[in-house]
Amino acid sequence: MLIIIWLLLSTILSTHAQQHLVGYVYGMDQNKEVPVAGANVFFPGSYAGTFTDEAGKFDIVKIDSSLKELVISYAGYVNDTVKVE
């Protein structure tokens, strides 16, 4: 069973009301956290988004500061929505 969990690492100082967001997506496999490669991480209603790498890491640049909801999706699993402050 895989449950998508995400961990926000940092929101780096922004310029011109745009931000840089870096984080990781982890899942649970036999009670052990494992990175989720290929998860889709995006802000709904915008073009800002990316996929996680083999370590579960994502990096989204030039995010408009008005975007407050991040969606994480992975084929075959329920989407997870996270508030971004």
N, C-alpha and C. Protein backbone atom coordinates (compact mmCIF):
# COMPACT_ATOMS: atom_id res chain seq x y z
N MET A 1 0.84 -1.18 0.00
CA MET A 1 0.00 0.00 0.00
C MET A 1 0.89 1.24 0.00
N LEU A 2 0.56 2.16 -0.86
CA LEU A 2 1.35 3.39 -0.98
C LEU A 2 0.46 4.57 -0.62
N ILE A 3 0.89 5.35 0.35
CA ILE A 3 0.18 6.56 0.75
C ILE A 3 1.10 7.73 0.45
N ILE A 4 0.61 8.68 -0.31
CA ILE A 4 1.45 9.83 -0.66
C ILE A 4 1.48 10.83 0.48
N ILE A 5 2.67 11.15 0.88
CA ILE A 5 2.92 12.15 1.92
C ILE A 5 3.92 13.13 1.34
N TRP A 6 3.82 14.38 1.66
CA TRP A 6 4.81 15.32 1.12
C TRP A 6 5.39 16.13 2.25
N LEU A 7 6.60 16.55 2.03
CA LEU A 7 7.33 17.32 3.01
C LEU A 7 7.90 18.55 2.33
N LEU A 8 7.46 19.69 2.78
CA LEU A 8 7.98 20.95 2.24
C LEU A 8 9.33 21.23 2.88
N LEU A 9 10.34 21.35 2.05
CA LEU A 9 11.67 21.64 2.57
C LEU A 9 11.90 23.12 2.76
N SER A 10 11.61 23.88 1.72
CA SER A 10 11.86 25.31 1.87
C SER A 10 11.08 26.11 0.85
N THR A 11 10.69 27.26 1.28
CA THR A 11 10.17 28.27 0.35
C THR A 11 11.20 29.37 0.38
N ILE A 12 11.93 29.50 -0.68
CA ILE A 12 13.04 30.44 -0.74
C ILE A 12 12.54 31.85 -0.98
N LEU A 13 13.24 32.81 -0.41
CA LEU A 13 12.88 34.21 -0.55
C LEU A 13 12.53 34.56 -1.99
N SER A 14 11.51 35.34 -2.15
CA SER A 14 11.01 35.62 -3.49
C SER A 14 11.33 37.04 -3.93
N THR A 15 11.29 37.21 -5.25
CA THR A 15 11.42 38.55 -5.83
C THR A 15 10.27 38.75 -6.79
N HIS A 16 9.76 39.93 -6.85
CA HIS A 16 8.64 40.27 -7.72
C HIS A 16 7.44 39.34 -7.51
N ALA A 17 7.13 39.02 -6.26
CA ALA A 17 5.96 38.23 -5.87
C ALA A 17 5.97 36.82 -6.46
N GLN A 18 7.15 36.29 -6.72
CA GLN A 18 7.25 34.91 -7.18
C GLN A 18 8.15 34.16 -6.21
N GLN A 19 7.89 32.85 -6.10
CA GLN A 19 8.62 32.04 -5.14
C GLN A 19 9.21 30.81 -5.82
N HIS A 20 10.06 30.14 -5.07
CA HIS A 20 10.72 28.91 -5.50
C HIS A 20 10.37 27.88 -4.44
N LEU A 21 9.80 26.75 -4.83
CA LEU A 21 9.35 25.73 -3.89
C LEU A 21 10.08 24.43 -4.15
N VAL A 22 10.68 23.88 -3.10
CA VAL A 22 11.40 22.62 -3.18
C VAL A 22 10.84 21.69 -2.12
N GLY A 23 10.65 20.42 -2.45
CA GLY A 23 10.15 19.47 -1.46
C GLY A 23 10.34 18.04 -1.93
N TYR A 24 9.85 17.12 -1.14
CA TYR A 24 9.95 15.69 -1.43
C TYR A 24 8.58 15.05 -1.27
N VAL A 25 8.33 14.01 -2.04
CA VAL A 25 7.12 13.21 -1.90
C VAL A 25 7.56 11.82 -1.46
N TYR A 26 7.02 11.37 -0.33
CA TYR A 26 7.32 10.05 0.20
C TYR A 26 6.04 9.23 0.29
N GLY A 27 6.19 7.94 0.19
CA GLY A 27 5.08 7.03 0.37
C GLY A 27 5.44 6.01 1.43
N MET A 28 4.45 5.24 1.86
CA MET A 28 4.69 4.19 2.84
C MET A 28 4.62 2.84 2.13
N ASP A 29 5.66 2.04 2.33
CA ASP A 29 5.71 0.70 1.78
C ASP A 29 6.16 -0.24 2.89
N GLN A 30 5.26 -1.09 3.34
CA GLN A 30 5.54 -2.01 4.45
C GLN A 30 6.08 -1.27 5.66
N ASN A 31 5.36 -0.22 6.06
CA ASN A 31 5.70 0.61 7.22
C ASN A 31 7.05 1.30 7.12
N LYS A 32 7.52 1.53 5.91
CA LYS A 32 8.79 2.21 5.69
C LYS A 32 8.57 3.34 4.69
N GLU A 33 9.11 4.54 5.00
CA GLU A 33 9.02 5.66 4.07
C GLU A 33 9.93 5.43 2.88
N VAL A 34 9.36 5.61 1.68
CA VAL A 34 10.14 5.46 0.45
C VAL A 34 9.84 6.65 -0.46
N PRO A 35 10.84 7.12 -1.23
CA PRO A 35 10.59 8.22 -2.16
C PRO A 35 9.65 7.77 -3.28
N VAL A 36 8.81 8.69 -3.75
CA VAL A 36 7.89 8.40 -4.85
C VAL A 36 8.39 9.12 -6.09
N ALA A 37 8.92 8.36 -7.03
CA ALA A 37 9.41 8.92 -8.29
C ALA A 37 8.26 9.03 -9.29
N GLY A 38 8.19 10.13 -10.00
CA GLY A 38 7.18 10.31 -11.03
C GLY A 38 5.84 10.83 -10.56
N ALA A 39 5.75 11.29 -9.31
CA ALA A 39 4.51 11.91 -8.83
C ALA A 39 4.37 13.28 -9.48
N ASN A 40 3.14 13.65 -9.81
CA ASN A 40 2.86 14.95 -10.39
C ASN A 40 2.58 15.93 -9.26
N VAL A 41 3.30 17.04 -9.23
CA VAL A 41 3.14 18.07 -8.19
C VAL A 41 2.83 19.37 -8.91
N PHE A 42 1.65 19.96 -8.62
CA PHE A 42 1.26 21.14 -9.38
C PHE A 42 0.31 22.03 -8.59
N PHE A 43 0.21 23.28 -9.06
CA PHE A 43 -0.75 24.24 -8.52
C PHE A 43 -1.94 24.27 -9.48
N PRO A 44 -3.13 23.85 -9.03
CA PRO A 44 -4.29 23.83 -9.92
C PRO A 44 -4.63 25.22 -10.44
N GLY A 45 -5.06 25.28 -11.69
CA GLY A 45 -5.43 26.55 -12.29
C GLY A 45 -4.24 27.36 -12.77
N SER A 46 -3.06 26.75 -12.82
CA SER A 46 -1.87 27.44 -13.29
C SER A 46 -1.04 26.48 -14.13
N TYR A 47 0.05 27.00 -14.67
CA TYR A 47 0.98 26.16 -15.42
C TYR A 47 2.17 25.74 -14.55
N ALA A 48 2.14 26.07 -13.27
CA ALA A 48 3.25 25.76 -12.37
C ALA A 48 3.12 24.32 -11.88
N GLY A 49 4.11 23.51 -12.21
CA GLY A 49 4.11 22.13 -11.76
C GLY A 49 5.29 21.36 -12.30
N THR A 50 5.47 20.15 -11.80
CA THR A 50 6.58 19.32 -12.22
C THR A 50 6.31 17.88 -11.77
N PHE A 51 7.26 17.00 -12.04
CA PHE A 51 7.23 15.61 -11.57
C PHE A 51 8.39 15.40 -10.61
N THR A 52 8.23 14.47 -9.68
CA THR A 52 9.32 14.16 -8.76
C THR A 52 10.38 13.32 -9.47
N ASP A 53 11.62 13.47 -9.02
CA ASP A 53 12.71 12.66 -9.57
C ASP A 53 12.80 11.33 -8.83
N GLU A 54 13.85 10.56 -9.08
CA GLU A 54 13.98 9.23 -8.47
C GLU A 54 14.13 9.27 -6.95
N ALA A 55 14.51 10.42 -6.41
CA ALA A 55 14.62 10.59 -4.96
C ALA A 55 13.34 11.16 -4.36
N GLY A 56 12.31 11.37 -5.19
CA GLY A 56 11.05 11.95 -4.73
C GLY A 56 11.08 13.46 -4.64
N LYS A 57 12.15 14.07 -5.12
CA LYS A 57 12.33 15.53 -5.00
C LYS A 57 11.63 16.26 -6.14
N PHE A 58 11.04 17.40 -5.79
CA PHE A 58 10.48 18.30 -6.81
C PHE A 58 10.99 19.70 -6.56
N ASP A 59 11.00 20.49 -7.63
CA ASP A 59 11.49 21.86 -7.58
C ASP A 59 10.65 22.67 -8.56
N ILE A 60 9.86 23.58 -8.04
CA ILE A 60 9.00 24.42 -8.89
C ILE A 60 9.48 25.85 -8.75
N VAL A 61 9.79 26.48 -9.88
CA VAL A 61 10.30 27.86 -9.86
C VAL A 61 9.26 28.80 -10.45
N LYS A 62 9.43 30.07 -10.13
CA LYS A 62 8.56 31.13 -10.62
C LYS A 62 7.09 30.88 -10.28
N ILE A 63 6.83 30.66 -9.01
CA ILE A 63 5.47 30.45 -8.53
C ILE A 63 4.88 31.79 -8.12
N ASP A 64 3.71 32.09 -8.61
CA ASP A 64 3.02 33.31 -8.22
C ASP A 64 2.61 33.17 -6.76
N SER A 65 2.84 34.20 -5.96
CA SER A 65 2.55 34.13 -4.52
C SER A 65 1.07 34.00 -4.21
N SER A 66 0.19 34.19 -5.19
CA SER A 66 -1.24 34.04 -4.94
C SER A 66 -1.67 32.57 -4.93
N LEU A 67 -0.82 31.66 -5.37
CA LEU A 67 -1.16 30.24 -5.40
C LEU A 67 -1.01 29.66 -4.00
N LYS A 68 -2.09 29.11 -3.47
CA LYS A 68 -2.10 28.67 -2.08
C LYS A 68 -2.38 27.19 -1.89
N GLU A 69 -2.61 26.45 -2.99
CA GLU A 69 -2.94 25.04 -2.89
C GLU A 69 -2.05 24.23 -3.83
N LEU A 70 -1.38 23.22 -3.30
CA LEU A 70 -0.51 22.35 -4.07
C LEU A 70 -1.14 20.97 -4.13
N VAL A 71 -1.22 20.39 -5.33
CA VAL A 71 -1.81 19.06 -5.49
C VAL A 71 -0.69 18.07 -5.84
N ILE A 72 -0.74 16.91 -5.19
CA ILE A 72 0.19 15.83 -5.47
C ILE A 72 -0.63 14.65 -5.97
N SER A 73 -0.27 14.15 -7.16
CA SER A 73 -1.02 13.02 -7.70
C SER A 73 -0.06 11.95 -8.20
N TYR A 74 -0.53 10.71 -8.14
CA TYR A 74 0.26 9.57 -8.59
C TYR A 74 -0.72 8.55 -9.13
N ALA A 75 -0.44 8.02 -10.29
CA ALA A 75 -1.37 7.11 -10.98
C ALA A 75 -1.85 5.98 -10.05
N GLY A 76 -3.17 5.83 -10.00
CA GLY A 76 -3.76 4.76 -9.21
C GLY A 76 -4.04 5.12 -7.76
N TYR A 77 -3.73 6.33 -7.34
CA TYR A 77 -3.93 6.75 -5.95
C TYR A 77 -4.73 8.04 -5.88
N VAL A 78 -5.31 8.28 -4.74
CA VAL A 78 -6.10 9.49 -4.52
C VAL A 78 -5.16 10.69 -4.42
N ASN A 79 -5.55 11.79 -5.06
CA ASN A 79 -4.76 13.02 -4.99
C ASN A 79 -4.70 13.55 -3.57
N ASP A 80 -3.61 14.22 -3.24
CA ASP A 80 -3.45 14.87 -1.95
C ASP A 80 -3.30 16.36 -2.20
N THR A 81 -4.05 17.18 -1.49
CA THR A 81 -3.99 18.64 -1.64
C THR A 81 -3.40 19.22 -0.35
N VAL A 82 -2.42 20.10 -0.52
CA VAL A 82 -1.72 20.69 0.62
C VAL A 82 -1.79 22.20 0.54
N LYS A 83 -2.08 22.85 1.64
CA LYS A 83 -2.08 24.31 1.70
C LYS A 83 -0.65 24.83 1.76
N VAL A 84 -0.39 25.88 0.98
CA VAL A 84 0.93 26.51 0.96
C VAL A 84 0.76 27.93 1.49
N GLU A 85 1.57 28.29 2.45
CA GLU A 85 1.47 29.62 3.04
C GLU A 85 2.65 30.46 2.65
